[in-house]
N, C-alpha and C. Protein backbone atom coordinates (compact mmCIF):
# COMPACT_ATOMS: atom_id res chain seq x y z
N MET A 1 99.64 43.71 97.03
CA MET A 1 100.43 44.50 97.95
C MET A 1 100.08 45.98 97.81
N ARG A 2 100.06 46.48 96.58
CA ARG A 2 99.75 47.90 96.36
C ARG A 2 98.38 48.22 96.92
N GLU A 3 97.41 47.33 96.77
CA GLU A 3 96.06 47.58 97.28
C GLU A 3 96.07 47.69 98.80
N SER A 4 96.84 46.83 99.49
CA SER A 4 96.87 46.90 100.94
C SER A 4 97.55 48.18 101.41
N LEU A 5 98.53 48.67 100.66
CA LEU A 5 99.16 49.94 101.02
C LEU A 5 98.17 51.09 100.88
N ARG A 6 97.37 51.07 99.82
CA ARG A 6 96.38 52.12 99.64
C ARG A 6 95.40 52.15 100.80
N SER A 7 95.02 50.98 101.28
CA SER A 7 94.04 50.93 102.37
C SER A 7 94.62 51.48 103.67
N CYS A 8 95.93 51.59 103.76
CA CYS A 8 96.57 52.14 104.95
C CYS A 8 96.69 53.65 104.89
N ARG A 9 96.35 54.24 103.78
CA ARG A 9 96.46 55.71 103.64
C ARG A 9 95.62 56.41 104.69
N ARG A 10 95.82 57.68 104.79
CA ARG A 10 95.20 58.51 105.82
C ARG A 10 93.71 58.26 106.01
N ARG A 11 93.38 58.04 107.26
CA ARG A 11 91.97 58.05 107.65
C ARG A 11 91.73 59.44 108.20
N THR A 12 90.62 60.03 107.88
CA THR A 12 90.37 61.35 108.42
C THR A 12 89.04 61.36 109.14
N HIS A 13 89.02 62.06 110.23
CA HIS A 13 87.82 62.26 111.02
C HIS A 13 87.52 63.75 110.92
N PRO A 14 86.42 64.11 110.25
CA PRO A 14 86.14 65.50 109.95
C PRO A 14 86.19 66.44 111.17
N LYS A 15 85.74 66.00 112.32
CA LYS A 15 85.70 66.92 113.45
C LYS A 15 86.91 66.80 114.36
N LYS A 16 87.86 65.98 114.02
CA LYS A 16 89.06 65.84 114.85
C LYS A 16 90.21 66.65 114.29
N THR A 17 91.00 67.21 115.19
CA THR A 17 92.20 67.93 114.82
C THR A 17 93.30 66.90 114.63
N ARG A 18 94.04 67.00 113.53
CA ARG A 18 95.12 66.05 113.23
C ARG A 18 96.42 66.52 113.87
N VAL A 19 97.12 65.59 114.52
CA VAL A 19 98.41 65.88 115.13
C VAL A 19 99.37 64.74 114.79
N VAL A 20 100.44 65.09 114.07
CA VAL A 20 101.50 64.13 113.78
C VAL A 20 102.42 64.10 115.00
N VAL A 21 102.68 62.92 115.53
CA VAL A 21 103.49 62.81 116.74
C VAL A 21 104.93 62.40 116.41
N ASP A 22 105.84 63.01 117.12
CA ASP A 22 107.25 62.64 117.07
C ASP A 22 107.40 61.31 117.81
N SER A 23 108.39 60.53 117.45
CA SER A 23 108.61 59.22 118.07
C SER A 23 108.73 59.28 119.58
N THR A 24 109.27 60.36 120.10
CA THR A 24 109.43 60.51 121.55
C THR A 24 108.14 60.24 122.29
N TYR A 25 107.02 60.68 121.73
CA TYR A 25 105.74 60.53 122.40
C TYR A 25 105.23 59.09 122.38
N LEU A 26 105.78 58.25 121.54
CA LEU A 26 105.33 56.86 121.48
C LEU A 26 106.20 55.92 122.31
N LEU A 27 107.37 56.37 122.71
CA LEU A 27 108.29 55.51 123.46
C LEU A 27 107.69 54.98 124.77
N PRO A 28 106.93 55.78 125.53
CA PRO A 28 106.34 55.21 126.75
C PRO A 28 105.43 54.01 126.49
N SER A 29 104.77 53.98 125.33
CA SER A 29 103.91 52.83 125.01
C SER A 29 104.71 51.56 124.74
N LEU A 30 106.04 51.73 124.59
CA LEU A 30 106.93 50.59 124.39
C LEU A 30 107.69 50.26 125.68
N GLY A 31 107.32 50.94 126.76
CA GLY A 31 107.98 50.69 128.03
C GLY A 31 109.27 51.48 128.22
N ILE A 32 109.48 52.50 127.40
CA ILE A 32 110.70 53.31 127.47
C ILE A 32 110.34 54.66 128.08
N SER A 33 110.95 54.98 129.21
CA SER A 33 110.63 56.24 129.86
C SER A 33 111.45 57.38 129.26
N ILE A 34 110.85 58.54 129.24
CA ILE A 34 111.46 59.75 128.70
C ILE A 34 111.50 60.77 129.84
N LYS A 35 112.69 61.31 130.13
CA LYS A 35 112.80 62.18 131.30
C LYS A 35 111.97 63.45 131.22
N ASN A 36 111.74 63.99 130.04
CA ASN A 36 110.95 65.21 129.90
C ASN A 36 109.46 64.95 129.70
N LEU A 37 109.06 63.68 129.82
CA LEU A 37 107.66 63.32 129.60
C LEU A 37 107.18 62.53 130.82
N LYS A 38 106.40 63.21 131.66
CA LYS A 38 105.92 62.60 132.90
C LYS A 38 104.68 61.76 132.64
N THR A 39 104.33 60.94 133.60
CA THR A 39 103.12 60.12 133.51
C THR A 39 101.89 60.99 133.27
N GLU A 40 101.84 62.15 133.94
CA GLU A 40 100.71 63.06 133.77
C GLU A 40 100.63 63.58 132.33
N ASP A 41 101.80 63.76 131.71
CA ASP A 41 101.84 64.23 130.32
C ASP A 41 101.25 63.17 129.38
N VAL A 42 101.63 61.93 129.61
CA VAL A 42 101.12 60.83 128.79
C VAL A 42 99.61 60.71 128.97
N GLN A 43 99.14 60.89 130.20
CA GLN A 43 97.70 60.85 130.47
C GLN A 43 96.97 62.00 129.78
N LEU A 44 97.60 63.17 129.78
CA LEU A 44 97.03 64.34 129.11
C LEU A 44 96.85 64.06 127.61
N ILE A 45 97.87 63.49 127.00
CA ILE A 45 97.81 63.16 125.57
C ILE A 45 96.67 62.19 125.31
N SER A 46 96.55 61.16 126.14
CA SER A 46 95.47 60.18 125.98
C SER A 46 94.10 60.81 126.16
N LYS A 47 94.01 61.73 127.08
CA LYS A 47 92.74 62.39 127.39
C LYS A 47 92.13 63.07 126.16
N PHE A 48 92.98 63.58 125.28
CA PHE A 48 92.49 64.34 124.13
C PHE A 48 92.20 63.49 122.90
N ARG A 49 92.26 62.17 123.00
CA ARG A 49 92.02 61.29 121.85
C ARG A 49 90.63 61.47 121.24
N GLU A 50 89.69 61.91 122.04
CA GLU A 50 88.33 62.11 121.54
C GLU A 50 88.27 63.26 120.53
N ASN A 51 89.17 64.24 120.70
CA ASN A 51 89.16 65.43 119.85
C ASN A 51 90.33 65.49 118.86
N ILE A 52 91.31 64.63 119.06
CA ILE A 52 92.52 64.68 118.24
C ILE A 52 92.76 63.33 117.58
N GLU A 53 93.09 63.39 116.29
CA GLU A 53 93.52 62.18 115.59
C GLU A 53 95.05 62.23 115.58
N TYR A 54 95.68 61.36 116.37
CA TYR A 54 97.13 61.27 116.39
C TYR A 54 97.59 60.44 115.21
N CYS A 55 98.59 60.94 114.50
CA CYS A 55 99.08 60.29 113.28
C CYS A 55 100.59 60.07 113.40
N TYR A 56 101.07 59.04 112.72
CA TYR A 56 102.49 58.70 112.77
C TYR A 56 102.91 58.20 111.40
N PRO A 57 103.85 58.89 110.74
CA PRO A 57 104.28 58.44 109.41
C PRO A 57 104.97 57.06 109.48
N ALA A 58 104.57 56.16 108.63
CA ALA A 58 105.08 54.79 108.63
C ALA A 58 106.62 54.69 108.59
N PRO A 59 107.33 55.53 107.83
CA PRO A 59 108.80 55.39 107.82
C PRO A 59 109.44 55.54 109.21
N LEU A 60 108.76 56.23 110.11
CA LEU A 60 109.32 56.44 111.45
C LEU A 60 109.28 55.18 112.31
N LEU A 61 108.56 54.16 111.85
CA LEU A 61 108.55 52.89 112.60
C LEU A 61 109.97 52.34 112.76
N THR A 62 110.82 52.57 111.77
CA THR A 62 112.20 52.08 111.87
C THR A 62 112.92 52.75 113.05
N GLU A 63 112.63 54.02 113.28
CA GLU A 63 113.24 54.73 114.41
C GLU A 63 112.76 54.13 115.73
N LEU A 64 111.48 53.82 115.83
CA LEU A 64 110.95 53.22 117.05
C LEU A 64 111.57 51.86 117.32
N VAL A 65 111.69 51.05 116.28
CA VAL A 65 112.30 49.72 116.45
C VAL A 65 113.74 49.87 116.92
N ALA A 66 114.47 50.79 116.31
CA ALA A 66 115.87 51.00 116.69
C ALA A 66 115.99 51.44 118.15
N LYS A 67 115.12 52.35 118.58
CA LYS A 67 115.17 52.83 119.96
C LYS A 67 114.79 51.73 120.94
N ALA A 68 113.80 50.93 120.60
CA ALA A 68 113.40 49.82 121.47
C ALA A 68 114.52 48.78 121.55
N ALA A 69 115.16 48.49 120.43
CA ALA A 69 116.26 47.52 120.41
C ALA A 69 117.45 48.05 121.21
N LYS A 70 117.71 49.33 121.11
CA LYS A 70 118.81 49.95 121.86
C LYS A 70 118.57 49.81 123.37
N GLU A 71 117.34 50.07 123.79
CA GLU A 71 116.99 49.93 125.21
C GLU A 71 117.12 48.48 125.67
N ALA A 72 116.67 47.54 124.84
CA ALA A 72 116.78 46.12 125.19
C ALA A 72 118.25 45.72 125.29
N SER A 73 119.06 46.24 124.40
CA SER A 73 120.50 45.95 124.42
C SER A 73 121.16 46.50 125.68
N LYS A 74 120.79 47.71 126.08
CA LYS A 74 121.31 48.32 127.31
C LYS A 74 121.01 47.45 128.52
N LYS A 75 119.83 46.82 128.50
CA LYS A 75 119.41 45.96 129.62
C LYS A 75 119.90 44.53 129.46
N LYS A 76 120.72 44.32 128.42
CA LYS A 76 121.29 43.00 128.12
C LYS A 76 120.22 41.92 127.90
N LEU A 77 119.12 42.32 127.29
CA LEU A 77 118.05 41.39 126.94
C LEU A 77 118.37 40.72 125.61
N LYS A 78 117.81 39.55 125.39
CA LYS A 78 118.04 38.84 124.13
C LYS A 78 117.01 39.20 123.07
N SER A 79 115.94 39.84 123.49
CA SER A 79 114.90 40.27 122.55
C SER A 79 114.15 41.43 123.17
N LEU A 80 113.21 41.97 122.41
CA LEU A 80 112.41 43.09 122.92
C LEU A 80 111.55 42.59 124.08
N PRO A 81 111.40 43.41 125.12
CA PRO A 81 110.51 43.01 126.21
C PRO A 81 109.06 42.96 125.75
N GLY A 82 108.25 42.20 126.47
CA GLY A 82 106.84 42.03 126.11
C GLY A 82 106.09 43.34 125.98
N GLU A 83 106.40 44.31 126.84
CA GLU A 83 105.71 45.60 126.77
C GLU A 83 105.97 46.30 125.44
N ALA A 84 107.19 46.19 124.94
CA ALA A 84 107.52 46.79 123.65
C ALA A 84 106.79 46.07 122.52
N VAL A 85 106.76 44.75 122.58
CA VAL A 85 106.07 43.97 121.54
C VAL A 85 104.59 44.33 121.52
N GLU A 86 103.97 44.41 122.70
CA GLU A 86 102.55 44.77 122.78
C GLU A 86 102.33 46.19 122.28
N GLY A 87 103.25 47.09 122.58
CA GLY A 87 103.16 48.46 122.10
C GLY A 87 103.18 48.53 120.59
N PHE A 88 104.08 47.76 119.98
CA PHE A 88 104.14 47.73 118.51
C PHE A 88 102.86 47.14 117.92
N LYS A 89 102.34 46.09 118.53
CA LYS A 89 101.09 45.48 118.03
C LYS A 89 99.95 46.49 118.08
N ALA A 90 99.85 47.23 119.19
CA ALA A 90 98.79 48.23 119.32
C ALA A 90 98.96 49.35 118.29
N LEU A 91 100.19 49.79 118.11
CA LEU A 91 100.46 50.85 117.13
C LEU A 91 100.09 50.40 115.73
N LEU A 92 100.50 49.21 115.35
CA LEU A 92 100.21 48.71 114.01
C LEU A 92 98.73 48.39 113.80
N ALA A 93 98.02 48.16 114.90
CA ALA A 93 96.58 47.93 114.81
C ALA A 93 95.80 49.25 114.76
N GLY A 94 96.52 50.36 114.90
CA GLY A 94 95.87 51.67 114.83
C GLY A 94 95.16 52.06 116.11
N LEU A 95 95.57 51.46 117.23
CA LEU A 95 94.94 51.78 118.51
C LEU A 95 95.55 53.06 119.08
N GLY A 96 94.83 54.15 118.97
CA GLY A 96 95.28 55.41 119.53
C GLY A 96 96.07 56.28 118.57
N VAL A 97 96.73 55.66 117.60
CA VAL A 97 97.56 56.40 116.64
C VAL A 97 97.37 55.76 115.26
N ALA A 98 97.14 56.59 114.26
CA ALA A 98 97.00 56.09 112.89
C ALA A 98 98.38 56.13 112.21
N VAL A 99 98.87 54.95 111.82
CA VAL A 99 100.13 54.89 111.06
C VAL A 99 99.77 55.17 109.61
N GLU A 100 100.45 56.17 109.03
CA GLU A 100 100.09 56.63 107.68
C GLU A 100 101.27 56.60 106.73
N LEU A 101 100.97 56.31 105.49
CA LEU A 101 101.98 56.41 104.45
C LEU A 101 102.21 57.89 104.13
N PRO A 102 103.44 58.28 103.90
CA PRO A 102 103.70 59.69 103.60
C PRO A 102 103.25 60.07 102.19
N ASP A 103 102.92 61.33 102.05
CA ASP A 103 102.58 61.91 100.76
C ASP A 103 103.89 62.08 99.98
N PRO A 104 103.92 61.76 98.68
CA PRO A 104 105.16 61.95 97.91
C PRO A 104 105.71 63.37 98.01
N ASN A 105 104.83 64.38 98.02
CA ASN A 105 105.30 65.76 98.17
C ASN A 105 105.92 66.00 99.54
N GLY A 106 105.43 65.27 100.53
CA GLY A 106 106.01 65.35 101.86
C GLY A 106 107.43 64.80 101.88
N LEU A 107 107.65 63.73 101.14
CA LEU A 107 109.00 63.17 101.05
C LEU A 107 109.95 64.15 100.36
N MET A 108 109.43 64.89 99.38
CA MET A 108 110.26 65.90 98.71
C MET A 108 110.62 67.03 99.69
N LEU A 109 109.66 67.43 100.51
CA LEU A 109 109.92 68.45 101.52
C LEU A 109 110.93 67.93 102.56
N ALA A 110 110.80 66.68 102.96
CA ALA A 110 111.75 66.09 103.90
C ALA A 110 113.17 66.11 103.32
N ALA A 111 113.29 65.79 102.04
CA ALA A 111 114.59 65.84 101.38
C ALA A 111 115.13 67.27 101.32
N GLU A 112 114.25 68.21 101.07
CA GLU A 112 114.65 69.63 101.04
C GLU A 112 115.22 70.06 102.39
N LEU A 113 114.57 69.65 103.47
CA LEU A 113 115.06 69.97 104.81
C LEU A 113 116.45 69.37 105.04
N TRP A 114 116.65 68.15 104.55
CA TRP A 114 117.96 67.50 104.66
C TRP A 114 119.01 68.31 103.89
N ILE A 115 118.68 68.64 102.67
CA ILE A 115 119.61 69.39 101.81
C ILE A 115 119.97 70.73 102.45
N LYS A 116 119.01 71.34 103.13
CA LYS A 116 119.26 72.64 103.76
C LYS A 116 119.99 72.51 105.10
N GLY A 117 120.28 71.26 105.52
CA GLY A 117 121.15 71.10 106.67
C GLY A 117 120.63 70.34 107.87
N HIS A 118 119.36 69.94 107.89
CA HIS A 118 118.89 69.18 109.06
C HIS A 118 119.08 67.69 108.79
N ARG A 119 119.97 67.08 109.52
CA ARG A 119 120.40 65.71 109.23
C ARG A 119 119.64 64.61 109.97
N ASP A 120 118.47 64.93 110.50
CA ASP A 120 117.62 63.88 111.09
C ASP A 120 116.43 63.69 110.16
N ILE A 121 116.54 62.70 109.31
CA ILE A 121 115.51 62.48 108.28
C ILE A 121 114.16 62.14 108.90
N MET A 122 114.17 61.52 110.08
CA MET A 122 112.91 61.17 110.73
C MET A 122 112.15 62.44 111.15
N ASP A 123 112.86 63.40 111.74
CA ASP A 123 112.23 64.69 112.05
C ASP A 123 111.69 65.33 110.78
N ASN A 124 112.50 65.29 109.74
CA ASN A 124 112.12 65.92 108.47
C ASN A 124 110.85 65.29 107.91
N ILE A 125 110.78 63.97 107.95
CA ILE A 125 109.60 63.26 107.42
C ILE A 125 108.36 63.61 108.24
N ALA A 126 108.50 63.61 109.56
CA ALA A 126 107.35 63.89 110.43
C ALA A 126 106.83 65.32 110.20
N TYR A 127 107.74 66.28 110.17
CA TYR A 127 107.34 67.68 109.96
C TYR A 127 106.68 67.83 108.58
N ALA A 128 107.32 67.28 107.57
CA ALA A 128 106.79 67.38 106.20
C ALA A 128 105.42 66.72 106.10
N HIS A 129 105.25 65.60 106.79
CA HIS A 129 103.95 64.91 106.78
C HIS A 129 102.88 65.83 107.38
N ALA A 130 103.22 66.50 108.46
CA ALA A 130 102.27 67.43 109.08
C ALA A 130 101.93 68.57 108.12
N VAL A 131 102.93 69.13 107.49
CA VAL A 131 102.71 70.24 106.55
C VAL A 131 101.80 69.78 105.41
N LYS A 132 102.12 68.67 104.80
CA LYS A 132 101.39 68.23 103.61
C LYS A 132 100.01 67.64 103.89
N THR A 133 99.76 67.27 105.16
CA THR A 133 98.44 66.72 105.49
C THR A 133 97.63 67.68 106.36
N GLN A 134 98.10 68.92 106.43
CA GLN A 134 97.41 69.97 107.19
C GLN A 134 97.15 69.56 108.63
N ALA A 135 98.24 69.17 109.30
CA ALA A 135 98.17 68.73 110.69
C ALA A 135 99.16 69.54 111.52
N TYR A 136 99.05 69.41 112.81
CA TYR A 136 100.06 69.95 113.71
C TYR A 136 101.16 68.90 113.83
N PHE A 137 102.36 69.34 114.23
CA PHE A 137 103.46 68.42 114.49
C PHE A 137 103.86 68.59 115.95
N MET A 138 103.68 67.52 116.73
CA MET A 138 103.97 67.55 118.16
C MET A 138 105.36 66.98 118.42
N THR A 139 106.25 67.85 118.90
CA THR A 139 107.63 67.46 119.17
C THR A 139 108.18 68.27 120.34
N MET A 140 109.17 67.72 121.02
CA MET A 140 109.87 68.46 122.07
C MET A 140 111.29 68.82 121.62
N ASP A 141 111.57 68.67 120.34
CA ASP A 141 112.91 68.87 119.80
C ASP A 141 113.19 70.35 119.52
N ASP A 142 113.81 71.01 120.49
CA ASP A 142 114.08 72.45 120.35
C ASP A 142 115.10 72.74 119.25
N ALA A 143 116.06 71.85 119.04
CA ALA A 143 117.06 72.07 117.99
C ALA A 143 116.39 72.07 116.61
N PHE A 144 115.43 71.17 116.41
CA PHE A 144 114.71 71.12 115.14
C PHE A 144 113.87 72.39 114.97
N LYS A 145 113.21 72.82 116.03
CA LYS A 145 112.42 74.06 115.96
C LYS A 145 113.33 75.24 115.60
N HIS A 146 114.50 75.28 116.18
CA HIS A 146 115.45 76.35 115.88
C HIS A 146 115.86 76.32 114.40
N PHE A 147 116.15 75.10 113.89
CA PHE A 147 116.50 74.95 112.48
C PHE A 147 115.37 75.47 111.58
N LEU A 148 114.14 75.06 111.87
CA LEU A 148 113.00 75.49 111.06
C LEU A 148 112.85 77.01 111.07
N SER A 149 113.02 77.59 112.23
CA SER A 149 112.92 79.04 112.36
C SER A 149 114.03 79.74 111.58
N GLU A 150 115.23 79.23 111.73
CA GLU A 150 116.40 79.80 111.05
C GLU A 150 116.25 79.76 109.53
N LYS A 151 115.61 78.72 109.03
CA LYS A 151 115.44 78.54 107.58
C LYS A 151 114.09 79.06 107.08
N ASP A 152 113.37 79.77 107.92
CA ASP A 152 112.09 80.39 107.57
C ASP A 152 110.97 79.42 107.20
N TYR A 153 110.95 78.26 107.85
CA TYR A 153 109.82 77.33 107.69
C TYR A 153 108.80 77.68 108.77
N THR A 154 107.55 77.38 108.50
CA THR A 154 106.49 77.73 109.45
C THR A 154 106.64 76.95 110.76
N LEU A 155 106.46 77.68 111.83
CA LEU A 155 106.44 77.07 113.16
C LEU A 155 105.02 77.06 113.73
N ASP A 156 104.09 77.61 112.97
CA ASP A 156 102.70 77.69 113.44
C ASP A 156 102.11 76.32 113.74
N ILE A 157 102.60 75.30 113.07
CA ILE A 157 102.05 73.97 113.25
C ILE A 157 102.83 73.14 114.27
N VAL A 158 103.96 73.66 114.75
CA VAL A 158 104.82 72.91 115.67
C VAL A 158 104.38 73.18 117.10
N ILE A 159 104.01 72.10 117.80
CA ILE A 159 103.50 72.21 119.17
C ILE A 159 104.18 71.18 120.07
N THR A 160 103.91 71.29 121.36
CA THR A 160 104.26 70.22 122.30
C THR A 160 102.95 69.73 122.91
N HIS A 161 103.05 68.72 123.73
CA HIS A 161 101.86 68.18 124.39
C HIS A 161 101.18 69.23 125.28
N LEU A 162 101.95 70.20 125.74
CA LEU A 162 101.40 71.25 126.59
C LEU A 162 100.47 72.19 125.82
N ASP A 163 100.54 72.15 124.50
CA ASP A 163 99.71 73.02 123.65
C ASP A 163 98.41 72.36 123.21
N LEU A 164 98.19 71.11 123.55
CA LEU A 164 97.05 70.37 123.03
C LEU A 164 95.71 71.03 123.35
N LYS A 165 95.56 71.50 124.57
CA LYS A 165 94.29 72.12 124.96
C LYS A 165 93.98 73.32 124.07
N ASN A 166 94.98 74.15 123.79
CA ASN A 166 94.79 75.33 122.92
C ASN A 166 94.51 74.92 121.49
N VAL A 167 95.14 73.87 121.04
CA VAL A 167 94.94 73.38 119.67
C VAL A 167 93.49 72.95 119.47
N ILE A 168 92.93 72.29 120.48
CA ILE A 168 91.53 71.85 120.39
C ILE A 168 90.59 73.05 120.36
N LYS A 169 90.88 74.04 121.20
CA LYS A 169 90.04 75.26 121.24
C LYS A 169 90.05 75.96 119.89
N ASN A 170 91.24 76.02 119.26
CA ASN A 170 91.38 76.73 117.98
C ASN A 170 91.04 75.85 116.79
N GLY A 171 91.08 74.52 116.98
CA GLY A 171 90.91 73.58 115.90
C GLY A 171 89.55 73.56 115.35
């Protein structure tokens, strides 16, 4: 088991810019629409796969499952729809997004963010993963950005999908 976990650790592509994605950006791949994320936005994100390595911390998979189950429940379904199941299979196969184990120091930073008052551990883990793996963190969560700013954490790595073109130019 420990050996298989090690093999799941970060894959790096030397010429690709690393971007840790917030769960919001993966919901469309599970058939869940997001009002602030248009079809063109999803296409833009896909377009940059050649230059960007999208990463997703493994602990956040629980958040995705919960959101998919919540949507299925709202629709009074007895199980996850096929599109969600296929989305999870693609994600776990590493198609388009690398699922990564968090760095222990990243988990300590995530806990620090919690202790300082941000009560969404998933946001904390994703941001900390980006910090500790020298990646950008792509999120649309303005409240989290405000918290980071208020507590003097770096915002230089926090982007949205609209920043991807600039990130590639600077990367």
